[in-house]
Amino acid sequence: MRDSLVRLLARCLAPTALSAFAMVSVAQTPPVFESQAINSPTAAQPEILQLKDGTPVRLRTTTLISSKNAKLGDELRLRVAEDVMIGSLVVIQRNAAAVGRVAAVHRARRRGIPGKITVEIRSVEMITGKSVPLRTQENRRGRSNSGDITDAFVEGALGNPGALVVAPAMLLFHGDEVKIPPNTTLVAHLDGDLPLDQSELQHMQPPLPPATGLATVYIFRPKVPPTLSPPVYCGLVEIGRLKKGEYRAALLPPGDYLFQSTDPKHKVQLNVEAEQTYYLTFGVSTWRSAGFLELVDKNRGDDEVALLAPSRTQPQVDLSGTDQEKLHSTSPPPQPKASDEKP
């Protein structure tokens, strides 16, 4: 009887014990949150822009390249003449370095055979610091020693489509050496499509200059004789004297100004606007020893100034606080003595 009661009691309590065990097991199992069941979102993919194959890149030479002195394999250093952009973003910045080499050279020979030089432009530096390949496709013109303009041409040299071949056409009596002077513009082209990370480009953009409300007028003097240095004036205010190969920047409020030197026939009347840049080339007549000025376009001014040095005495002069009546005067300036014009 006693054993029967024990077995009956065990059968009655078994479901309760099993439920208690199940409850404990569930309580000890760590909860599964919804976030653990979903993969973490992937990082945003960068937006890729593309500069197309064949995009032109304007370059300028920085030294004289001549078939008389050049040697095969000579490295050439060039500079970018103007920004290369995609939309509003600068990809290749003005004055960035480009690299080329002399791929072939032949000196002028007798019987009217002219000199010939093959220039290969290889690469240019982007604003990000990376180097990208270039190829050359450009028609040029050469000049003979007699002063005649003669054709030059471009072709693939030795099967190389990225080479610039410059050679004057056959002269009648004598051959001439090819000369590519400093500041000569060459046009190369991007060799292949160039994918660009937009966020990287945006991060590397050059900072905008602070707004001053003033105009900038560059006055530059090329490296040509004579050595005399007559003064340059804005109205009756002397901006200064420039030696050969120097430039000076004048900051001016918007308005009309007369720039002049000692040659009364060659002066420049200029209306300047805020935040704009202007270029005046300054020279000295060899037979009159008089200083003259000429307004040039921005592209030429940019290229010329890039090859010159800032004035040692005063690279920049702020004329915004100068006597405005003298600054806007159209009267002729005082003529300096001959002894005052020496550098």
Protein backbone atom coordinates (compact mmCIF):
# COMPACT_ATOMS: atom_id res chain seq x y z
CA MET A 1 0.00 0.00 0.00
CA ARG A 2 2.75 2.42 0.97
CA ASP A 3 4.66 1.79 -2.25
CA SER A 4 1.52 2.38 -4.29
CA LEU A 5 0.96 5.77 -2.68
CA VAL A 6 4.57 6.85 -3.42
CA ARG A 7 4.27 5.92 -7.10
CA LEU A 8 0.96 7.81 -7.37
CA LEU A 9 2.44 10.92 -5.79
CA ALA A 10 5.41 10.82 -8.16
CA ARG A 11 3.15 10.70 -11.19
CA CYS A 12 1.18 13.73 -9.96
CA LEU A 13 4.26 15.92 -9.27
CA ALA A 14 6.25 15.11 -12.46
CA PRO A 15 4.60 17.77 -14.78
CA THR A 16 5.15 20.48 -12.16
CA ALA A 17 8.84 19.67 -11.83
CA LEU A 18 9.26 19.61 -15.59
CA SER A 19 7.61 23.03 -15.86
CA ALA A 20 9.88 24.44 -13.19
CA PHE A 21 12.92 23.10 -15.02
CA ALA A 22 11.72 24.62 -18.28
CA MET A 23 11.17 27.97 -16.61
CA VAL A 24 14.68 27.97 -15.21
CA SER A 25 16.14 27.04 -18.57
CA VAL A 26 14.33 29.89 -20.31
CA ALA A 27 15.37 32.37 -17.65
CA GLN A 28 19.04 31.46 -18.07
CA THR A 29 19.02 31.83 -21.90
CA PRO A 30 20.38 35.33 -22.87
CA PRO A 31 17.79 37.50 -24.67
CA VAL A 32 18.20 37.97 -28.42
CA PHE A 33 17.77 41.66 -29.39
CA GLU A 34 16.50 42.68 -32.78
CA SER A 35 19.73 44.62 -33.51
CA GLN A 36 21.76 41.45 -33.23
CA ALA A 37 19.74 39.80 -35.94
CA ILE A 38 20.34 42.64 -38.48
CA ASN A 39 23.72 43.19 -40.10
CA SER A 40 25.41 46.58 -39.44
CA PRO A 41 24.82 49.02 -42.30
CA THR A 42 27.73 49.19 -44.76
CA ALA A 43 29.78 52.40 -45.01
CA ALA A 44 28.55 54.90 -47.61
CA GLN A 45 30.30 54.39 -50.93
CA PRO A 46 32.29 57.47 -52.14
CA GLU A 47 30.82 59.28 -55.12
CA ILE A 48 33.10 58.75 -58.09
CA LEU A 49 33.58 61.45 -60.74
CA GLN A 50 35.46 60.91 -63.98
CA LEU A 51 37.72 63.14 -66.04
CA LYS A 52 37.51 61.91 -69.60
CA ASP A 53 40.35 60.57 -71.71
CA GLY A 54 41.71 63.32 -73.97
CA THR A 55 40.92 66.19 -71.59
CA PRO A 56 43.33 69.01 -72.60
CA VAL A 57 45.96 70.27 -70.14
CA ARG A 58 47.64 73.58 -71.04
CA LEU A 59 51.30 73.64 -70.02
CA ARG A 60 54.10 76.16 -70.34
CA THR A 61 57.82 75.63 -70.63
CA THR A 62 60.03 77.03 -67.88
CA THR A 63 63.41 76.98 -69.67
CA LEU A 64 64.75 77.28 -73.21
CA ILE A 65 64.60 73.99 -75.14
CA SER A 66 66.87 73.97 -78.19
CA SER A 67 67.96 71.33 -80.65
CA LYS A 68 71.44 72.84 -80.40
CA ASN A 69 71.96 72.04 -76.71
CA ALA A 70 69.36 69.41 -75.81
CA LYS A 71 70.45 65.80 -75.29
CA LEU A 72 68.49 62.61 -75.65
CA GLY A 73 66.80 61.76 -72.36
CA ASP A 74 67.06 65.28 -70.85
CA GLU A 75 64.29 65.74 -68.28
CA LEU A 76 61.99 68.69 -68.86
CA ARG A 77 60.11 70.56 -66.16
CA LEU A 78 56.89 72.30 -67.14
CA ARG A 79 54.09 74.07 -65.29
CA VAL A 80 50.34 73.95 -65.75
CA ALA A 81 49.10 77.18 -67.35
CA GLU A 82 45.50 77.06 -66.13
CA ASP A 83 43.30 75.03 -63.79
CA VAL A 84 41.74 71.82 -65.08
CA MET A 85 38.32 71.45 -63.47
CA ILE A 86 35.39 69.08 -63.28
CA GLY A 87 32.30 71.08 -62.43
CA SER A 88 33.37 73.56 -59.75
CA LEU A 89 36.22 71.37 -58.43
CA VAL A 90 39.88 71.88 -59.34
CA VAL A 91 41.50 68.59 -60.40
CA ILE A 92 44.84 69.87 -61.74
CA GLN A 93 45.85 73.23 -60.30
CA ARG A 94 47.53 76.06 -62.16
CA ASN A 95 51.34 76.00 -61.67
CA ALA A 96 51.30 72.28 -60.83
CA ALA A 97 54.41 70.43 -61.98
CA ALA A 98 54.49 68.41 -65.19
CA VAL A 99 57.33 66.20 -66.36
CA GLY A 100 58.62 65.47 -69.85
CA ARG A 101 61.79 64.43 -71.60
CA VAL A 102 63.69 64.87 -74.85
CA ALA A 103 62.79 61.74 -76.82
CA ALA A 104 64.85 62.57 -79.93
CA VAL A 105 67.03 65.45 -81.13
CA HIS A 106 68.81 66.29 -84.40
CA ARG A 107 70.94 69.38 -84.85
CA ALA A 108 70.74 71.57 -87.94
CA ARG A 109 72.98 70.41 -90.78
CA ARG A 110 74.33 71.73 -94.04
CA ARG A 111 72.33 71.95 -97.25
CA GLY A 112 69.42 73.54 -95.47
CA ILE A 113 68.53 70.58 -93.27
CA PRO A 114 66.94 72.10 -90.15
CA GLY A 115 67.20 70.92 -86.59
CA LYS A 116 64.51 68.78 -85.04
CA ILE A 117 63.54 67.97 -81.49
CA THR A 118 61.01 65.53 -80.10
CA VAL A 119 59.53 66.42 -76.70
CA GLU A 120 57.57 63.78 -74.84
CA ILE A 121 55.30 65.00 -72.03
CA ARG A 122 54.76 62.17 -69.60
CA SER A 123 52.77 63.18 -66.53
CA VAL A 124 51.29 65.95 -64.40
CA GLU A 125 50.55 66.26 -60.70
CA MET A 126 46.93 66.46 -59.53
CA ILE A 127 45.76 68.62 -56.63
CA THR A 128 45.68 65.43 -54.51
CA GLY A 129 49.41 64.93 -55.08
CA LYS A 130 48.98 61.93 -57.35
CA SER A 131 50.66 61.79 -60.76
CA VAL A 132 48.58 61.10 -63.88
CA PRO A 133 49.83 60.21 -67.39
CA LEU A 134 49.60 62.61 -70.34
CA ARG A 135 50.03 62.35 -74.08
CA THR A 136 50.87 65.15 -76.51
CA GLN A 137 48.84 66.31 -79.49
CA GLU A 138 49.83 69.80 -80.57
CA ASN A 139 50.71 71.85 -83.66
CA ARG A 140 53.47 74.42 -83.19
CA ARG A 141 55.37 76.96 -85.29
CA GLY A 142 59.08 77.60 -85.38
CA ARG A 143 61.12 80.69 -86.32
CA SER A 144 64.18 80.76 -88.53
CA ASN A 145 67.32 82.80 -87.86
CA SER A 146 66.33 85.03 -90.79
CA GLY A 147 63.17 86.04 -88.96
CA ASP A 148 60.80 84.05 -91.17
CA ILE A 149 58.02 82.13 -89.43
CA THR A 150 58.19 78.49 -90.50
CA ASP A 151 55.83 75.63 -89.84
CA ALA A 152 56.35 73.10 -87.12
CA PHE A 153 54.46 69.90 -86.73
CA VAL A 154 53.54 67.11 -84.37
CA GLU A 155 53.76 63.44 -85.07
CA GLY A 156 54.40 60.20 -83.27
CA ALA A 157 58.16 59.88 -82.93
CA LEU A 158 59.56 56.37 -83.33
CA GLY A 159 56.03 55.02 -83.03
CA ASN A 160 55.35 56.97 -79.82
CA PRO A 161 51.98 58.82 -80.09
CA GLY A 162 52.76 60.84 -76.95
CA ALA A 163 55.62 62.81 -78.43
CA LEU A 164 55.70 66.43 -79.59
CA VAL A 165 57.95 66.90 -82.60
CA VAL A 166 58.98 70.49 -83.29
CA ALA A 167 60.89 71.24 -86.46
CA PRO A 168 61.00 74.24 -88.79
CA ALA A 169 60.18 73.66 -92.44
CA MET A 170 63.03 73.45 -94.93
CA LEU A 171 64.78 76.79 -95.36
CA LEU A 172 66.12 77.79 -98.74
CA PHE A 173 69.79 78.33 -97.96
CA HIS A 174 70.60 77.13 -94.47
CA GLY A 175 69.29 74.94 -91.70
CA ASP A 176 68.11 76.42 -88.43
CA GLU A 177 68.07 75.09 -84.90
CA VAL A 178 64.71 74.61 -83.22
CA LYS A 179 64.16 76.84 -80.18
CA ILE A 180 61.25 76.57 -77.79
CA PRO A 181 61.59 79.62 -75.51
CA PRO A 182 60.49 79.78 -71.87
CA ASN A 183 56.78 80.38 -71.36
CA THR A 184 55.82 78.63 -74.59
CA THR A 185 52.39 77.03 -74.31
CA LEU A 186 52.04 73.33 -75.11
CA VAL A 187 48.82 71.39 -74.95
CA ALA A 188 48.91 67.81 -73.66
CA HIS A 189 45.95 65.49 -73.14
CA LEU A 190 44.92 63.12 -70.41
CA ASP A 191 45.96 59.58 -71.33
CA GLY A 192 42.95 57.48 -70.28
CA ASP A 193 39.84 58.06 -68.19
CA LEU A 194 40.60 59.31 -64.66
CA PRO A 195 38.22 58.25 -61.84
CA LEU A 196 38.08 60.75 -58.98
CA ASP A 197 36.83 60.53 -55.41
CA GLN A 198 34.59 63.59 -55.00
CA SER A 199 35.03 63.80 -51.21
CA GLU A 200 38.83 63.67 -51.57
CA LEU A 201 38.75 66.41 -54.20
CA GLN A 202 36.53 68.62 -52.06
CA HIS A 203 38.89 68.20 -49.12
CA MET A 204 41.92 69.26 -51.22
CA GLN A 205 40.41 72.38 -52.84
CA PRO A 206 42.55 75.54 -52.54
CA PRO A 207 41.25 78.05 -49.98
CA LEU A 208 39.50 81.12 -51.31
CA PRO A 209 41.46 84.35 -50.81
CA PRO A 210 39.96 86.67 -48.21
CA ALA A 211 37.75 89.37 -49.67
CA THR A 212 39.36 92.81 -49.41
CA GLY A 213 37.17 94.86 -51.74
CA LEU A 214 40.35 95.91 -53.59
CA ALA A 215 41.62 95.28 -57.11
CA THR A 216 45.10 93.90 -57.74
CA VAL A 217 47.21 95.34 -60.55
CA TYR A 218 50.43 93.45 -61.35
CA ILE A 219 53.13 95.52 -63.03
CA PHE A 220 55.91 93.32 -64.40
CA ARG A 221 59.11 93.86 -66.33
CA PRO A 222 60.45 91.06 -68.58
CA LYS A 223 64.13 90.14 -68.59
CA VAL A 224 65.10 92.40 -71.49
CA PRO A 225 67.51 95.37 -71.70
CA PRO A 226 68.23 98.15 -70.98
CA THR A 227 69.12 98.31 -67.30
CA LEU A 228 67.62 101.75 -66.66
CA SER A 229 64.73 101.75 -64.18
CA PRO A 230 62.44 104.78 -64.56
CA PRO A 231 59.60 105.03 -62.03
CA VAL A 232 56.04 103.81 -62.54
CA TYR A 233 53.13 105.99 -61.39
CA CYS A 234 49.45 105.58 -60.64
CA GLY A 235 48.22 109.11 -61.19
CA LEU A 236 50.84 111.19 -59.39
CA VAL A 237 51.66 108.47 -56.83
CA GLU A 238 54.90 106.62 -57.48
CA ILE A 239 54.44 102.86 -57.29
CA GLY A 240 58.17 102.25 -57.55
CA ARG A 241 60.95 101.15 -59.90
CA LEU A 242 61.30 97.69 -61.33
CA LYS A 243 64.48 95.92 -62.31
CA LYS A 244 64.57 93.43 -65.17
CA GLY A 245 62.75 90.23 -64.28
CA GLU A 246 60.70 91.71 -61.40
CA TYR A 247 57.04 92.39 -60.70
CA ARG A 248 55.10 94.38 -58.12
CA ALA A 249 51.43 94.18 -57.13
CA ALA A 250 49.43 97.36 -56.41
CA LEU A 251 46.20 97.11 -54.37
CA LEU A 252 43.60 99.73 -55.32
CA PRO A 253 39.98 100.61 -54.51
CA PRO A 254 37.58 100.27 -57.47
CA GLY A 255 37.70 103.20 -59.89
CA ASP A 256 39.49 104.80 -62.87
CA TYR A 257 43.26 105.18 -62.78
CA LEU A 258 46.00 106.35 -65.13
CA PHE A 259 49.20 104.30 -65.06
CA GLN A 260 52.20 105.99 -66.60
CA SER A 261 55.97 106.24 -66.61
CA THR A 262 58.33 108.59 -68.43
CA ASP A 263 56.99 107.98 -71.95
CA PRO A 264 53.90 110.22 -72.30
CA LYS A 265 52.71 108.34 -75.42
CA HIS A 266 52.50 104.93 -73.79
CA LYS A 267 50.30 105.04 -70.70
CA VAL A 268 47.29 102.98 -69.62
CA GLN A 269 43.88 104.25 -68.51
CA LEU A 270 42.28 101.46 -66.50
CA ASN A 271 38.94 101.00 -64.76
CA VAL A 272 39.42 98.41 -62.01
CA GLU A 273 36.75 96.45 -60.14
CA ALA A 274 36.81 94.95 -56.64
CA GLU A 275 38.44 91.51 -56.30
CA GLN A 276 39.62 91.56 -59.93
CA THR A 277 43.19 91.15 -61.20
CA TYR A 278 44.91 93.12 -63.99
CA TYR A 279 48.34 92.95 -65.62
CA LEU A 280 50.54 95.72 -67.03
CA THR A 281 53.83 94.97 -68.74
CA PHE A 282 56.55 97.59 -68.24
CA GLY A 283 59.45 98.22 -70.58
CA VAL A 284 62.13 100.79 -71.35
CA SER A 285 62.74 102.10 -74.86
CA THR A 286 66.35 101.46 -75.86
CA TRP A 287 66.63 104.59 -78.00
CA ARG A 288 64.60 107.02 -75.88
CA SER A 289 65.39 105.52 -72.45
CA ALA A 290 61.75 106.14 -71.53
CA GLY A 291 59.51 103.82 -69.57
CA PHE A 292 56.26 102.62 -71.16
CA LEU A 293 53.29 100.50 -70.05
CA GLU A 294 50.90 98.15 -71.84
CA LEU A 295 47.80 96.29 -70.64
CA VAL A 296 47.89 92.53 -71.33
CA ASP A 297 45.27 89.82 -70.91
CA LYS A 298 45.07 87.63 -67.82
CA ASN A 299 46.44 84.46 -69.43
CA ARG A 300 49.55 86.17 -70.71
CA GLY A 301 49.98 88.11 -67.46
CA ASP A 302 49.68 84.94 -65.38
CA ASP A 303 52.27 83.17 -67.51
CA GLU A 304 54.72 86.07 -67.52
CA VAL A 305 54.54 86.76 -63.78
CA ALA A 306 55.03 83.07 -62.99
CA LEU A 307 58.51 83.26 -64.55
CA LEU A 308 59.56 86.45 -62.75
CA ALA A 309 60.55 87.32 -59.20
CA PRO A 310 58.70 89.67 -56.84
CA SER A 311 60.37 93.02 -56.30
CA ARG A 312 63.04 92.76 -53.64
CA THR A 313 62.30 96.18 -52.22
CA GLN A 314 58.50 95.95 -52.03
CA PRO A 315 56.62 93.08 -53.72
CA GLN A 316 53.22 94.56 -52.86
CA VAL A 317 52.04 98.12 -52.22
CA ASP A 318 48.63 98.95 -50.73
CA LEU A 319 47.41 102.25 -52.18
CA SER A 320 43.95 102.19 -50.59
CA GLY A 321 44.98 104.71 -47.94
CA THR A 322 46.82 107.03 -50.33
CA ASP A 323 45.65 110.55 -51.21
CA GLN A 324 42.79 109.76 -53.63
CA GLU A 325 43.11 113.06 -55.51
CA LYS A 326 46.73 112.30 -56.43
CA LEU A 327 45.90 108.67 -57.11
CA HIS A 328 43.18 109.56 -59.65
CA SER A 329 45.10 112.45 -61.21
CA THR A 330 45.60 112.50 -64.97
CA SER A 331 48.38 115.08 -64.89
CA PRO A 332 51.83 114.06 -66.18
CA PRO A 333 54.19 112.89 -63.43
CA PRO A 334 57.44 114.69 -62.62
CA GLN A 335 60.23 113.70 -64.99
CA PRO A 336 63.18 112.15 -63.14
CA LYS A 337 66.76 113.11 -63.80
CA ALA A 338 68.83 110.69 -65.83
CA SER A 339 70.90 109.84 -62.75
CA ASP A 340 67.71 108.88 -60.88
CA GLU A 341 66.79 106.22 -63.44
CA LYS A 342 69.72 103.93 -62.70
CA PRO A 343 68.75 100.73 -60.85
